N, C-alpha and C. Protein backbone atom coordinates (compact mmCIF):
# COMPACT_ATOMS: atom_id res chain seq x y z
N MET A 1 -52.47 -184.13 -97.68
CA MET A 1 -51.70 -183.08 -97.66
C MET A 1 -50.69 -182.93 -98.28
N ALA A 2 -49.97 -182.66 -99.90
CA ALA A 2 -48.74 -182.49 -99.66
C ALA A 2 -48.18 -181.86 -98.98
N GLU A 3 -46.98 -181.99 -98.94
CA GLU A 3 -46.02 -180.72 -98.20
C GLU A 3 -45.82 -179.32 -98.75
N GLU A 4 -46.04 -178.14 -98.39
CA GLU A 4 -45.98 -177.08 -99.74
C GLU A 4 -44.59 -176.26 -98.81
N TYR A 5 -43.99 -175.50 -99.15
CA TYR A 5 -42.93 -174.91 -99.24
C TYR A 5 -43.39 -173.42 -99.08
N LEU A 6 -43.89 -172.35 -98.29
CA LEU A 6 -43.62 -171.12 -98.05
C LEU A 6 -42.51 -170.29 -98.43
N LEU A 7 -42.46 -169.44 -99.46
CA LEU A 7 -41.18 -168.66 -99.88
C LEU A 7 -42.12 -167.47 -100.00
N THR A 8 -40.66 -166.33 -100.40
CA THR A 8 -41.66 -164.94 -100.41
C THR A 8 -41.02 -164.73 -102.18
N GLN A 9 -41.25 -164.62 -102.90
CA GLN A 9 -41.36 -164.42 -104.10
C GLN A 9 -39.49 -164.26 -104.25
N GLU A 10 -38.73 -163.52 -103.28
CA GLU A 10 -37.00 -163.80 -103.43
C GLU A 10 -36.52 -164.82 -103.20
N GLY A 11 -37.38 -165.76 -102.29
CA GLY A 11 -36.71 -167.14 -101.67
C GLY A 11 -36.94 -167.83 -103.11
N TYR A 12 -38.42 -167.50 -103.83
CA TYR A 12 -38.22 -168.68 -104.81
C TYR A 12 -37.01 -168.48 -105.95
N ASP A 13 -37.19 -166.93 -106.77
CA ASP A 13 -36.23 -166.40 -107.18
C ASP A 13 -34.71 -167.05 -107.41
N LYS A 14 -34.08 -167.44 -105.92
CA LYS A 14 -33.11 -167.74 -105.33
C LYS A 14 -32.78 -169.42 -106.36
N ILE A 15 -33.98 -170.20 -105.58
CA ILE A 15 -33.89 -170.77 -105.81
C ILE A 15 -34.47 -171.71 -107.55
N VAL A 16 -34.60 -171.05 -107.87
CA VAL A 16 -35.33 -171.23 -109.90
C VAL A 16 -33.72 -170.61 -109.84
N ALA A 17 -32.86 -169.43 -109.69
CA ALA A 17 -31.48 -169.89 -110.04
C ALA A 17 -30.34 -170.46 -109.39
N GLU A 18 -30.63 -170.57 -108.72
CA GLU A 18 -29.32 -172.23 -108.31
C GLU A 18 -30.38 -173.14 -109.08
N HIS A 19 -31.43 -174.31 -109.91
CA HIS A 19 -31.34 -175.33 -110.19
C HIS A 19 -31.16 -174.42 -111.78
N GLU A 20 -31.21 -173.40 -112.24
CA GLU A 20 -30.10 -173.42 -113.68
C GLU A 20 -29.42 -172.75 -113.80
N GLU A 21 -28.51 -172.63 -112.17
CA GLU A 21 -27.28 -172.92 -111.90
C GLU A 21 -26.22 -174.36 -112.65
N LEU A 22 -27.12 -175.34 -111.46
CA LEU A 22 -26.76 -175.90 -111.16
C LEU A 22 -27.52 -177.36 -112.71
N VAL A 23 -28.31 -176.65 -113.00
CA VAL A 23 -28.21 -177.94 -114.98
C VAL A 23 -27.93 -177.59 -116.11
N ALA A 24 -27.50 -175.94 -116.10
CA ALA A 24 -27.05 -175.79 -116.96
C ALA A 24 -25.16 -175.96 -116.87
N VAL A 25 -24.89 -175.56 -116.00
CA VAL A 25 -23.93 -175.53 -115.56
C VAL A 25 -22.75 -176.46 -115.14
N ARG A 26 -22.95 -176.78 -113.56
CA ARG A 26 -22.39 -177.58 -113.24
C ARG A 26 -22.64 -179.28 -113.76
N ARG A 27 -23.73 -179.58 -114.28
CA ARG A 27 -23.27 -180.99 -114.56
C ARG A 27 -22.42 -181.27 -115.12
N ARG A 28 -22.72 -180.26 -116.55
CA ARG A 28 -21.86 -180.10 -117.54
C ARG A 28 -20.61 -180.49 -116.77
N GLU A 29 -19.69 -180.31 -116.10
CA GLU A 29 -18.69 -179.66 -114.73
C GLU A 29 -17.83 -180.99 -114.62
N VAL A 30 -19.75 -181.54 -113.43
CA VAL A 30 -19.14 -183.27 -113.59
C VAL A 30 -19.24 -184.47 -114.37
N ALA A 31 -20.03 -183.72 -115.21
CA ALA A 31 -19.83 -184.71 -116.62
C ALA A 31 -18.57 -184.86 -117.34
N GLU A 32 -17.75 -183.60 -117.12
CA GLU A 32 -16.31 -183.76 -117.57
C GLU A 32 -15.04 -184.33 -116.89
N LYS A 33 -15.54 -184.25 -115.18
CA LYS A 33 -14.65 -184.66 -114.53
C LYS A 33 -15.17 -186.25 -114.54
N ILE A 34 -15.85 -187.00 -114.60
CA ILE A 34 -16.57 -188.52 -115.31
C ILE A 34 -15.62 -188.26 -116.61
N LYS A 35 -15.42 -187.81 -117.41
CA LYS A 35 -14.97 -188.18 -118.46
C LYS A 35 -13.46 -188.34 -118.54
N GLU A 36 -12.91 -187.21 -117.44
CA GLU A 36 -11.89 -187.47 -117.40
C GLU A 36 -10.70 -188.62 -116.60
N ALA A 37 -11.70 -189.06 -115.41
CA ALA A 37 -11.52 -190.08 -115.23
C ALA A 37 -11.44 -191.35 -115.25
N LEU A 38 -12.33 -191.32 -117.08
CA LEU A 38 -12.72 -192.64 -117.37
C LEU A 38 -11.28 -193.19 -118.17
N SER A 39 -10.63 -191.87 -118.74
CA SER A 39 -9.82 -191.66 -119.59
C SER A 39 -8.46 -192.57 -118.51
N TYR A 40 -8.78 -192.83 -117.21
CA TYR A 40 -7.21 -192.44 -116.82
C TYR A 40 -7.38 -194.66 -116.22
N GLY A 41 -8.69 -195.53 -117.29
CA GLY A 41 -8.33 -196.58 -117.17
C GLY A 41 -9.48 -197.19 -116.37
N ASP A 42 -8.60 -198.73 -115.82
CA ASP A 42 -10.05 -199.13 -114.81
C ASP A 42 -10.60 -198.59 -113.70
N ILE A 43 -11.74 -198.51 -113.77
CA ILE A 43 -12.63 -198.03 -112.92
C ILE A 43 -12.55 -198.34 -111.60
N SER A 44 -12.04 -199.22 -111.38
CA SER A 44 -12.40 -200.50 -110.04
C SER A 44 -11.29 -199.45 -109.24
N GLU A 45 -10.30 -198.99 -108.90
CA GLU A 45 -9.65 -198.54 -108.57
C GLU A 45 -9.07 -197.23 -109.17
N ASN A 46 -10.62 -196.81 -109.18
CA ASN A 46 -10.52 -194.99 -110.21
C ASN A 46 -10.69 -193.95 -108.73
N ALA A 47 -9.94 -193.88 -108.03
CA ALA A 47 -11.17 -192.62 -107.24
C ALA A 47 -11.40 -191.73 -107.60
N GLU A 48 -10.55 -190.87 -108.26
CA GLU A 48 -10.86 -190.06 -108.75
C GLU A 48 -12.66 -190.06 -109.29
N TYR A 49 -12.63 -191.38 -110.10
CA TYR A 49 -14.03 -191.80 -110.70
C TYR A 49 -15.48 -191.75 -109.85
N ASP A 50 -14.81 -192.14 -108.83
CA ASP A 50 -15.40 -192.33 -107.32
C ASP A 50 -15.70 -191.38 -107.20
N ALA A 51 -15.15 -190.45 -106.80
CA ALA A 51 -15.03 -188.71 -106.23
C ALA A 51 -16.21 -187.57 -107.10
N ALA A 52 -15.81 -188.54 -108.22
CA ALA A 52 -16.92 -187.38 -109.64
C ALA A 52 -18.46 -188.42 -109.68
N LYS A 53 -17.76 -189.18 -109.45
CA LYS A 53 -19.75 -190.64 -109.55
C LYS A 53 -20.85 -189.85 -108.16
N ASN A 54 -18.98 -189.41 -106.83
CA ASN A 54 -20.56 -189.38 -105.47
C ASN A 54 -20.81 -187.75 -105.76
N GLU A 55 -19.54 -187.07 -106.61
CA GLU A 55 -19.80 -185.10 -106.50
C GLU A 55 -21.59 -185.20 -108.06
N GLN A 56 -21.92 -186.14 -108.56
CA GLN A 56 -22.36 -185.78 -109.46
C GLN A 56 -23.51 -186.31 -108.55
N ALA A 57 -24.20 -187.66 -108.12
CA ALA A 57 -25.00 -187.93 -106.72
C ALA A 57 -25.36 -187.16 -106.18
N ASP A 58 -24.54 -186.50 -105.78
CA ASP A 58 -25.28 -184.68 -104.43
C ASP A 58 -26.26 -184.02 -105.16
N LEU A 59 -24.81 -183.93 -106.87
CA LEU A 59 -25.34 -182.78 -107.70
C LEU A 59 -27.66 -183.42 -108.19
N GLU A 60 -27.42 -184.30 -108.39
CA GLU A 60 -28.91 -185.04 -108.87
C GLU A 60 -29.78 -184.68 -108.08
N ASP A 61 -28.76 -185.25 -106.58
CA ASP A 61 -30.06 -184.82 -105.43
C ASP A 61 -30.49 -183.80 -104.97
N ARG A 62 -29.36 -182.77 -104.84
CA ARG A 62 -29.52 -181.35 -104.66
C ARG A 62 -31.12 -180.56 -106.44
N ILE A 63 -30.49 -180.97 -106.96
CA ILE A 63 -31.43 -180.28 -108.81
C ILE A 63 -32.94 -181.54 -108.66
N HIS A 64 -33.30 -182.63 -107.99
CA HIS A 64 -34.73 -183.02 -107.55
C HIS A 64 -34.67 -182.32 -106.10
N LYS A 65 -33.91 -181.30 -104.88
CA LYS A 65 -34.86 -181.13 -103.99
C LYS A 65 -35.64 -179.47 -104.92
N LEU A 66 -34.29 -179.38 -105.38
CA LEU A 66 -35.15 -178.00 -105.87
C LEU A 66 -36.12 -177.86 -106.47
N GLU A 67 -35.88 -178.98 -107.03
CA GLU A 67 -37.30 -179.00 -108.69
C GLU A 67 -38.62 -179.71 -107.29
N GLU A 68 -38.90 -180.37 -106.39
CA GLU A 68 -39.05 -180.51 -105.45
C GLU A 68 -40.22 -179.19 -105.42
N MET A 69 -39.18 -178.65 -104.88
CA MET A 69 -39.16 -177.19 -103.98
C MET A 69 -39.98 -176.56 -104.67
N MET A 70 -39.63 -175.89 -106.21
CA MET A 70 -40.63 -175.49 -106.86
C MET A 70 -42.44 -175.85 -106.97
N ARG A 71 -41.86 -177.56 -107.44
CA ARG A 71 -42.96 -177.96 -107.58
C ARG A 71 -44.23 -177.25 -106.23
N LYS A 72 -44.18 -177.40 -105.60
CA LYS A 72 -45.14 -176.96 -104.67
C LYS A 72 -44.19 -176.50 -103.65
N ALA A 73 -44.36 -174.97 -104.36
CA ALA A 73 -44.11 -173.78 -103.24
C ALA A 73 -44.72 -172.98 -103.45
N LYS A 74 -45.22 -172.22 -102.55
CA LYS A 74 -46.12 -171.61 -102.20
C LYS A 74 -46.14 -169.73 -102.07
N ILE A 75 -46.57 -168.89 -102.61
CA ILE A 75 -45.43 -167.77 -102.73
C ILE A 75 -46.55 -167.06 -102.23
N ILE A 76 -45.85 -166.18 -101.20
CA ILE A 76 -46.90 -165.55 -100.61
C ILE A 76 -46.94 -163.80 -100.25
N ASN A 77 -48.20 -163.96 -101.27
CA ASN A 77 -48.45 -162.62 -101.55
C ASN A 77 -48.96 -160.77 -100.58
N GLU A 78 -47.48 -160.15 -100.18
CA GLU A 78 -47.45 -159.65 -99.20
C GLU A 78 -48.93 -158.91 -99.48
N SER A 79 -49.65 -157.95 -100.50
CA SER A 79 -50.25 -157.43 -100.23
C SER A 79 -51.79 -158.08 -100.81
N GLU A 80 -52.18 -159.61 -99.38
CA GLU A 80 -53.16 -160.00 -99.40
C GLU A 80 -53.00 -160.35 -97.92
N VAL A 81 -52.11 -159.46 -96.81
CA VAL A 81 -52.42 -159.45 -95.99
C VAL A 81 -52.12 -157.95 -94.92
N ALA A 82 -52.83 -158.10 -94.24
CA ALA A 82 -53.48 -156.82 -92.96
C ALA A 82 -51.60 -156.41 -93.37
N SER A 83 -51.81 -154.97 -93.40
CA SER A 83 -50.20 -154.36 -93.11
C SER A 83 -50.04 -153.72 -91.91
N ASP A 84 -50.59 -154.14 -90.88
CA ASP A 84 -50.87 -153.97 -89.55
C ASP A 84 -49.92 -155.51 -88.92
N THR A 85 -50.70 -156.90 -89.65
CA THR A 85 -50.10 -158.05 -88.70
C THR A 85 -48.91 -159.17 -89.57
N VAL A 86 -48.13 -159.28 -88.70
CA VAL A 86 -47.55 -160.43 -88.68
C VAL A 86 -47.41 -161.23 -90.00
N SER A 87 -46.60 -161.54 -90.61
CA SER A 87 -47.30 -162.28 -91.31
C SER A 87 -45.94 -163.21 -92.13
N VAL A 88 -45.89 -164.05 -92.75
CA VAL A 88 -44.54 -164.77 -93.95
C VAL A 88 -44.50 -163.73 -94.66
N GLY A 89 -43.25 -163.26 -94.58
CA GLY A 89 -42.59 -162.34 -95.64
C GLY A 89 -42.76 -160.77 -95.76
N LYS A 90 -43.45 -160.27 -94.31
CA LYS A 90 -42.97 -158.85 -94.22
C LYS A 90 -41.93 -159.42 -93.10
N LYS A 91 -41.61 -157.81 -92.80
CA LYS A 91 -40.85 -157.67 -91.83
C LYS A 91 -41.54 -157.31 -90.62
N VAL A 92 -41.01 -157.72 -89.00
CA VAL A 92 -41.49 -157.25 -87.81
C VAL A 92 -40.66 -156.25 -86.83
N LEU A 93 -40.63 -155.31 -86.87
CA LEU A 93 -39.30 -154.46 -85.31
C LEU A 93 -40.46 -154.80 -83.36
N VAL A 94 -39.68 -155.22 -83.41
CA VAL A 94 -39.48 -155.40 -81.66
C VAL A 94 -39.20 -155.52 -81.37
N LYS A 95 -39.87 -154.57 -79.36
CA LYS A 95 -38.50 -154.25 -78.54
C LYS A 95 -38.96 -155.09 -77.50
N SER A 96 -37.60 -155.82 -76.92
CA SER A 96 -37.43 -157.03 -75.34
C SER A 96 -38.03 -155.77 -75.02
N ILE A 97 -38.91 -156.63 -73.26
CA ILE A 97 -39.53 -155.56 -72.85
C ILE A 97 -38.79 -155.49 -71.62
N ASP A 98 -37.20 -156.60 -71.26
CA ASP A 98 -36.69 -156.89 -70.33
C ASP A 98 -35.34 -155.86 -70.19
N ASP A 99 -34.98 -155.15 -72.25
CA ASP A 99 -33.81 -154.73 -71.51
C ASP A 99 -34.25 -153.71 -73.24
N GLY A 100 -34.98 -153.06 -73.33
CA GLY A 100 -35.49 -152.06 -74.05
C GLY A 100 -34.70 -152.62 -75.53
N GLU A 101 -34.27 -152.92 -75.88
CA GLU A 101 -33.86 -153.48 -77.00
C GLU A 101 -34.63 -153.71 -78.39
N GLU A 102 -34.47 -153.30 -79.35
CA GLU A 102 -34.77 -153.17 -80.77
C GLU A 102 -34.27 -154.85 -81.62
N GLU A 103 -34.88 -155.03 -82.23
CA GLU A 103 -34.60 -156.22 -83.00
C GLU A 103 -35.54 -156.32 -84.35
N GLU A 104 -35.17 -156.73 -85.09
CA GLU A 104 -35.95 -156.53 -86.63
C GLU A 104 -35.46 -157.92 -87.03
N TYR A 105 -36.97 -158.49 -87.49
CA TYR A 105 -37.03 -160.79 -88.45
C TYR A 105 -37.50 -159.68 -89.87
N SER A 106 -37.19 -160.30 -90.57
CA SER A 106 -38.07 -161.05 -91.52
C SER A 106 -38.54 -162.27 -91.52
N ILE A 107 -39.88 -162.38 -91.53
CA ILE A 107 -40.74 -163.73 -91.45
C ILE A 107 -40.21 -164.01 -92.55
N VAL A 108 -40.29 -165.39 -92.78
CA VAL A 108 -39.86 -166.18 -94.42
C VAL A 108 -39.92 -167.63 -93.35
N GLY A 109 -40.26 -168.50 -95.35
CA GLY A 109 -40.47 -169.83 -94.79
C GLY A 109 -39.23 -170.40 -93.83
N ALA A 110 -39.63 -171.95 -94.01
CA ALA A 110 -38.79 -172.60 -93.96
C ALA A 110 -37.72 -172.59 -94.35
N THR A 111 -37.34 -172.84 -95.96
CA THR A 111 -36.54 -173.03 -96.24
C THR A 111 -35.67 -172.41 -96.87
N GLU A 112 -36.24 -170.13 -96.89
CA GLU A 112 -35.56 -169.58 -96.04
C GLU A 112 -34.70 -169.09 -95.65
N ALA A 113 -35.12 -169.22 -94.06
CA ALA A 113 -34.21 -169.49 -92.57
C ALA A 113 -32.91 -168.57 -93.32
N ASP A 114 -32.16 -167.44 -92.28
CA ASP A 114 -31.25 -167.27 -91.78
C ASP A 114 -30.83 -166.43 -90.91
N PRO A 115 -31.05 -166.99 -89.58
CA PRO A 115 -31.16 -165.98 -88.76
C PRO A 115 -30.17 -165.09 -88.32
N PHE A 116 -29.17 -165.47 -89.55
CA PHE A 116 -27.45 -164.73 -89.32
C PHE A 116 -27.98 -163.26 -90.21
N GLU A 117 -28.88 -163.29 -90.49
CA GLU A 117 -29.30 -162.40 -91.77
C GLU A 117 -30.77 -162.31 -91.03
N GLY A 118 -31.01 -162.33 -90.26
CA GLY A 118 -32.54 -161.62 -89.97
C GLY A 118 -33.67 -162.43 -90.14
N LYS A 119 -33.67 -163.53 -90.40
CA LYS A 119 -34.64 -163.94 -91.79
C LYS A 119 -34.88 -165.62 -90.35
N ILE A 120 -36.03 -165.19 -90.21
CA ILE A 120 -36.07 -166.38 -89.24
C ILE A 120 -38.01 -167.39 -89.08
N SER A 121 -37.72 -168.28 -89.52
CA SER A 121 -38.54 -169.05 -89.98
C SER A 121 -39.99 -168.87 -89.79
N ASN A 122 -41.19 -169.42 -90.23
CA ASN A 122 -42.61 -169.21 -89.64
C ASN A 122 -42.90 -170.41 -88.47
N GLU A 123 -41.86 -171.13 -88.94
CA GLU A 123 -41.99 -172.42 -87.79
C GLU A 123 -41.11 -172.51 -86.22
N SER A 124 -39.89 -171.32 -86.94
CA SER A 124 -39.25 -170.97 -84.61
C SER A 124 -40.72 -170.48 -84.31
N PRO A 125 -39.62 -170.46 -82.81
CA PRO A 125 -40.89 -171.06 -82.09
C PRO A 125 -41.05 -168.76 -81.57
N VAL A 126 -40.49 -168.47 -82.56
CA VAL A 126 -40.28 -166.88 -81.88
C VAL A 126 -41.05 -166.13 -83.06
N GLY A 127 -40.53 -167.04 -84.76
CA GLY A 127 -41.42 -166.43 -85.65
C GLY A 127 -42.89 -167.21 -85.54
N SER A 128 -43.38 -168.62 -85.25
CA SER A 128 -44.51 -168.76 -85.03
C SER A 128 -45.65 -167.85 -83.98
N ALA A 129 -44.34 -167.52 -82.40
CA ALA A 129 -45.06 -166.78 -82.23
C ALA A 129 -46.43 -165.21 -82.37
N LEU A 130 -45.27 -164.50 -83.77
CA LEU A 130 -45.20 -163.71 -83.91
C LEU A 130 -46.30 -163.24 -85.13
N ILE A 131 -46.84 -164.91 -86.20
CA ILE A 131 -47.68 -164.56 -86.79
C ILE A 131 -49.15 -164.36 -86.47
N GLY A 132 -49.71 -163.54 -87.33
CA GLY A 132 -50.80 -163.36 -86.58
C GLY A 132 -50.90 -161.33 -85.89
N ARG A 133 -49.82 -161.70 -85.16
CA ARG A 133 -50.04 -160.95 -84.10
C ARG A 133 -49.73 -159.39 -84.92
N LYS A 134 -50.43 -158.63 -84.36
CA LYS A 134 -50.60 -156.36 -84.86
C LYS A 134 -50.02 -156.16 -83.98
N ILE A 135 -49.51 -154.90 -85.13
CA ILE A 135 -48.77 -153.68 -83.93
C ILE A 135 -49.31 -153.04 -82.87
N GLY A 136 -48.66 -153.17 -81.43
CA GLY A 136 -49.06 -152.62 -80.44
C GLY A 136 -48.37 -154.71 -79.36
N GLU A 137 -48.85 -154.96 -79.69
CA GLU A 137 -49.75 -156.37 -79.43
C GLU A 137 -47.91 -156.69 -78.44
N THR A 138 -47.80 -157.60 -77.26
CA THR A 138 -46.66 -157.88 -76.64
C THR A 138 -47.03 -159.75 -76.26
N VAL A 139 -46.20 -160.10 -77.04
CA VAL A 139 -45.80 -161.51 -77.09
C VAL A 139 -45.22 -162.46 -76.09
N GLU A 140 -45.66 -163.07 -75.61
CA GLU A 140 -43.99 -164.08 -75.01
C GLU A 140 -44.28 -165.16 -75.23
N ILE A 141 -42.75 -166.11 -74.88
CA ILE A 141 -42.09 -166.37 -76.60
C ILE A 141 -41.37 -167.75 -75.12
N GLU A 142 -41.28 -168.49 -76.01
CA GLU A 142 -40.84 -169.98 -74.61
C GLU A 142 -39.30 -169.79 -76.00
N VAL A 143 -38.46 -169.45 -75.22
CA VAL A 143 -37.36 -170.34 -76.27
C VAL A 143 -36.16 -171.14 -75.14
N PRO A 144 -35.60 -171.54 -76.45
CA PRO A 144 -33.92 -172.67 -75.47
C PRO A 144 -34.00 -171.87 -74.16
N ASP A 145 -33.00 -170.64 -74.38
CA ASP A 145 -33.01 -170.18 -72.95
C ASP A 145 -34.04 -169.19 -71.59
N GLY A 146 -35.32 -169.76 -72.19
CA GLY A 146 -36.51 -169.49 -71.43
C GLY A 146 -37.17 -168.79 -72.12
N LYS A 147 -37.64 -167.60 -70.78
CA LYS A 147 -38.60 -166.69 -72.15
C LYS A 147 -38.27 -165.31 -72.71
N VAL A 148 -38.66 -164.88 -73.46
CA VAL A 148 -38.61 -163.34 -74.20
C VAL A 148 -40.38 -162.68 -74.39
N SER A 149 -39.91 -161.66 -73.75
CA SER A 149 -41.01 -160.63 -74.27
C SER A 149 -41.09 -160.07 -75.17
N TYR A 150 -41.68 -159.78 -75.91
CA TYR A 150 -41.50 -159.14 -76.77
C TYR A 150 -42.57 -157.74 -77.07
N LYS A 151 -42.75 -156.77 -77.29
CA LYS A 151 -43.94 -155.85 -77.89
C LYS A 151 -43.71 -154.94 -79.51
N ILE A 152 -44.78 -155.82 -79.93
CA ILE A 152 -44.65 -155.13 -81.65
C ILE A 152 -44.57 -153.78 -81.58
N VAL A 153 -43.39 -153.40 -82.46
CA VAL A 153 -43.10 -151.98 -82.44
C VAL A 153 -44.33 -151.49 -84.15
N ASP A 154 -43.31 -152.86 -85.62
CA ASP A 154 -43.64 -152.32 -86.59
C ASP A 154 -43.55 -153.14 -87.47
N VAL A 155 -44.71 -153.39 -88.68
CA VAL A 155 -44.88 -154.36 -89.57
C VAL A 155 -44.91 -153.64 -90.79
N HIS A 156 -43.80 -154.33 -91.51
CA HIS A 156 -43.46 -153.32 -92.89
C HIS A 156 -43.25 -154.58 -93.48
């Protein structure tokens, strides 16, 4: 089976917007840089030309990756999942059994993960351990620093 990219609607919309920006704006800018560099003459020792061609290659690679992600995207429909069950696209409030501290995570697909924003991947140790669990359950998770235990307080 081909690789699937699990995305929330918000994540998919961000990918589409980035793709549109790269295709409509950045391609033109890079083409202008190449054109300008060519006007300097001999391309065999033209650092500007080499840099612009490298930028073009990176840009086309990113565009291709975004197109693949859009083609293989599986957008999570939050309404299809039980409201008290942790799944991709849901926010989960957990309470640490050790210190009583509460944390809220948004469970997202790997491509959307941003731990600094509280968005954790469904493939991460914490995300995968929480998936399918319900409010009130206690989960023990193996993380790089050892084990943590969380009680699921709320899912929304």
